[in-house]
Amino acid sequence: MAGFTLIELLIAVAVIAILAAVGYPAYTDYVRRAQLPEAFAAMSDYRVKMEVYFQDFRNYGVKKDDPCANGTNAPKWKDFKPTNAQFFTYSCVVTDTGYTLTATGEKGSAIGHKYTIDENNTRTTTQFKGVDVTPAKSCWLVKGSEC
């Protein structure tokens, strides 16, 4: 008699289910972590542009709570929308002492992530994996909950 018994089939299905239960969460975490560097690269690029703007105009924007780089000779990049942005939206606001640039996850596995950087290169995570980080971490979280 050739073939498999029901017990052998159930054991094979159980092994596949266990592997899937372990593998799928790891895979989705890898996908999420692969989408986060978009924000880090764009924010670092905009931070450099903001410092160049400051050298040219001696301010980061016209007045507090206004968008950054919004003077009379505002550059083309002032809307803070990278051409290759897929997962995050970006905003920049003038503060009392400088500016705060924010990246907010809007698509894919980046939803629920919010990162900021300011004129002092202070990097913070205010939302990670959909949970508010209180108090905000003074780094950009990627994998775990500690810097």
Protein backbone atom coordinates (compact mmCIF):
# COMPACT_ATOMS: atom_id res chain seq x y z
CA MET A 1 0.00 0.00 0.00
CA ALA A 2 1.51 3.33 -1.08
CA GLY A 3 0.70 6.80 0.23
CA PHE A 4 0.59 8.75 3.46
CA THR A 5 -1.40 8.10 6.56
CA LEU A 6 -3.59 10.80 8.04
CA ILE A 7 -1.23 11.14 11.01
CA GLU A 8 1.78 11.76 8.73
CA LEU A 9 -0.18 14.38 6.79
CA LEU A 10 -1.27 16.15 9.99
CA ILE A 11 2.31 16.17 11.28
CA ALA A 12 3.54 17.76 8.03
CA VAL A 13 0.77 20.39 8.19
CA ALA A 14 1.62 21.13 11.84
CA VAL A 15 5.32 21.59 11.01
CA ILE A 16 4.45 23.99 8.16
CA ALA A 17 2.09 25.93 10.45
CA ILE A 18 4.78 26.31 13.11
CA LEU A 19 7.33 27.51 10.55
CA ALA A 20 4.81 30.02 9.16
CA ALA A 21 3.92 31.27 12.65
CA VAL A 22 7.59 32.03 13.29
CA GLY A 23 8.57 33.19 9.80
CA TYR A 24 5.75 35.55 8.88
CA PRO A 25 6.21 38.02 11.78
CA ALA A 26 9.96 38.07 11.15
CA TYR A 27 9.35 38.75 7.45
CA THR A 28 6.93 41.62 8.13
CA ASP A 29 9.41 43.14 10.59
CA TYR A 30 12.15 43.01 7.94
CA VAL A 31 9.82 44.73 5.46
CA ARG A 32 9.00 47.45 8.02
CA ARG A 33 12.66 48.01 8.84
CA ALA A 34 13.50 48.26 5.13
CA GLN A 35 11.02 51.13 4.68
CA LEU A 36 12.29 53.30 7.54
CA PRO A 37 15.61 54.41 5.97
CA GLU A 38 13.64 56.47 3.44
CA ALA A 39 12.72 58.86 6.26
CA PHE A 40 16.21 58.92 7.71
CA ALA A 41 17.85 59.73 4.38
CA ALA A 42 15.30 62.40 3.41
CA MET A 43 15.43 64.10 6.81
CA SER A 44 19.22 64.13 6.85
CA ASP A 45 19.21 65.62 3.35
CA TYR A 46 16.70 68.31 4.33
CA ARG A 47 18.66 69.11 7.48
CA VAL A 48 21.70 69.93 5.34
CA LYS A 49 19.53 72.04 3.03
CA MET A 50 18.13 73.92 6.03
CA GLU A 51 21.63 74.74 7.25
CA VAL A 52 22.57 76.05 3.79
CA TYR A 53 19.37 78.10 3.81
CA PHE A 54 20.36 79.51 7.22
CA GLN A 55 23.81 80.48 5.93
CA ASP A 56 22.22 82.29 3.00
CA PHE A 57 19.37 84.09 4.83
CA ARG A 58 20.34 84.04 8.54
CA ASN A 59 17.04 82.41 9.50
CA TYR A 60 15.17 79.14 9.04
CA GLY A 61 11.92 80.81 8.04
CA VAL A 62 9.96 83.99 8.44
CA LYS A 63 8.30 83.46 11.85
CA LYS A 64 7.52 80.83 14.49
CA ASP A 65 5.01 78.08 13.54
CA ASP A 66 5.37 78.92 9.82
CA PRO A 67 6.73 76.41 7.32
CA CYS A 68 10.52 76.34 7.03
CA ALA A 69 12.49 78.03 4.24
CA ASN A 70 9.55 80.25 3.26
CA GLY A 71 11.30 83.58 2.75
CA THR A 72 11.01 85.77 -0.34
CA ASN A 73 13.67 83.75 -2.15
CA ALA A 74 12.34 80.37 -1.02
CA PRO A 75 14.04 77.40 -2.71
CA LYS A 76 12.23 74.84 -4.85
CA TRP A 77 12.58 72.14 -2.18
CA LYS A 78 10.68 74.17 0.45
CA ASP A 79 7.61 71.88 0.25
CA PHE A 80 9.71 69.03 1.73
CA LYS A 81 8.43 66.41 -0.70
CA PRO A 82 11.24 64.17 -1.93
CA THR A 83 10.65 62.94 -5.47
CA ASN A 84 11.22 59.33 -4.44
CA ALA A 85 9.08 59.37 -1.26
CA GLN A 86 6.96 56.25 -1.00
CA PHE A 87 6.15 55.63 2.63
CA PHE A 88 6.50 58.92 4.52
CA THR A 89 5.23 62.50 4.38
CA TYR A 90 7.46 65.33 5.56
CA SER A 91 6.87 68.68 7.20
CA CYS A 92 9.03 71.40 8.69
CA VAL A 93 8.02 74.12 11.13
CA VAL A 94 10.02 77.09 12.42
CA THR A 95 10.45 77.08 16.22
CA ASP A 96 11.71 79.68 18.70
CA THR A 97 15.32 78.63 18.24
CA GLY A 98 15.36 76.91 14.85
CA TYR A 99 13.17 74.31 13.15
CA THR A 100 11.70 70.86 13.59
CA LEU A 101 11.54 68.54 10.62
CA THR A 102 9.06 65.64 10.92
CA ALA A 103 8.61 62.41 8.95
CA THR A 104 5.27 60.64 9.40
CA GLY A 105 4.68 57.11 8.10
CA GLU A 106 1.72 57.15 5.71
CA LYS A 107 1.96 53.95 3.63
CA GLY A 108 3.04 50.34 3.87
CA SER A 109 4.62 49.09 7.04
CA ALA A 110 5.84 52.61 7.87
CA ILE A 111 2.37 53.58 9.11
CA GLY A 112 2.58 54.33 12.81
CA HIS A 113 6.13 55.73 12.78
CA LYS A 114 6.98 59.37 13.43
CA TYR A 115 10.49 60.78 13.56
CA THR A 116 11.85 64.32 14.03
CA ILE A 117 15.14 66.15 13.72
CA ASP A 118 15.99 69.74 14.63
CA GLU A 119 18.68 72.33 13.98
CA ASN A 120 20.95 70.75 16.62
CA ASN A 121 20.73 67.35 14.87
CA THR A 122 18.65 66.05 17.77
CA ARG A 123 16.88 62.98 16.47
CA THR A 124 13.73 61.81 18.22
CA THR A 125 11.15 59.08 17.83
CA THR A 126 7.68 60.15 18.93
CA GLN A 127 5.72 57.19 17.54
CA PHE A 128 7.00 53.66 16.89
CA LYS A 129 4.99 50.73 15.50
CA GLY A 130 1.79 52.70 16.05
CA VAL A 131 2.44 53.43 19.72
CA ASP A 132 3.27 56.88 21.10
CA VAL A 133 6.74 56.92 22.66
CA THR A 134 6.47 58.74 25.98
CA PRO A 135 8.83 60.31 26.72
CA ALA A 136 10.16 60.59 23.19
CA LYS A 137 13.39 58.66 22.58
CA SER A 138 16.42 60.74 21.64
CA CYS A 139 17.24 58.56 18.63
CA TRP A 140 15.52 57.08 15.59
CA LEU A 141 14.19 53.69 16.67
CA VAL A 142 14.36 50.94 14.05
CA LYS A 143 14.32 47.55 15.70
CA GLY A 144 13.79 47.62 19.44
CA SER A 145 12.45 50.07 21.95
CA GLU A 146 15.86 51.31 23.15
CA CYS A 147 18.45 53.54 21.49
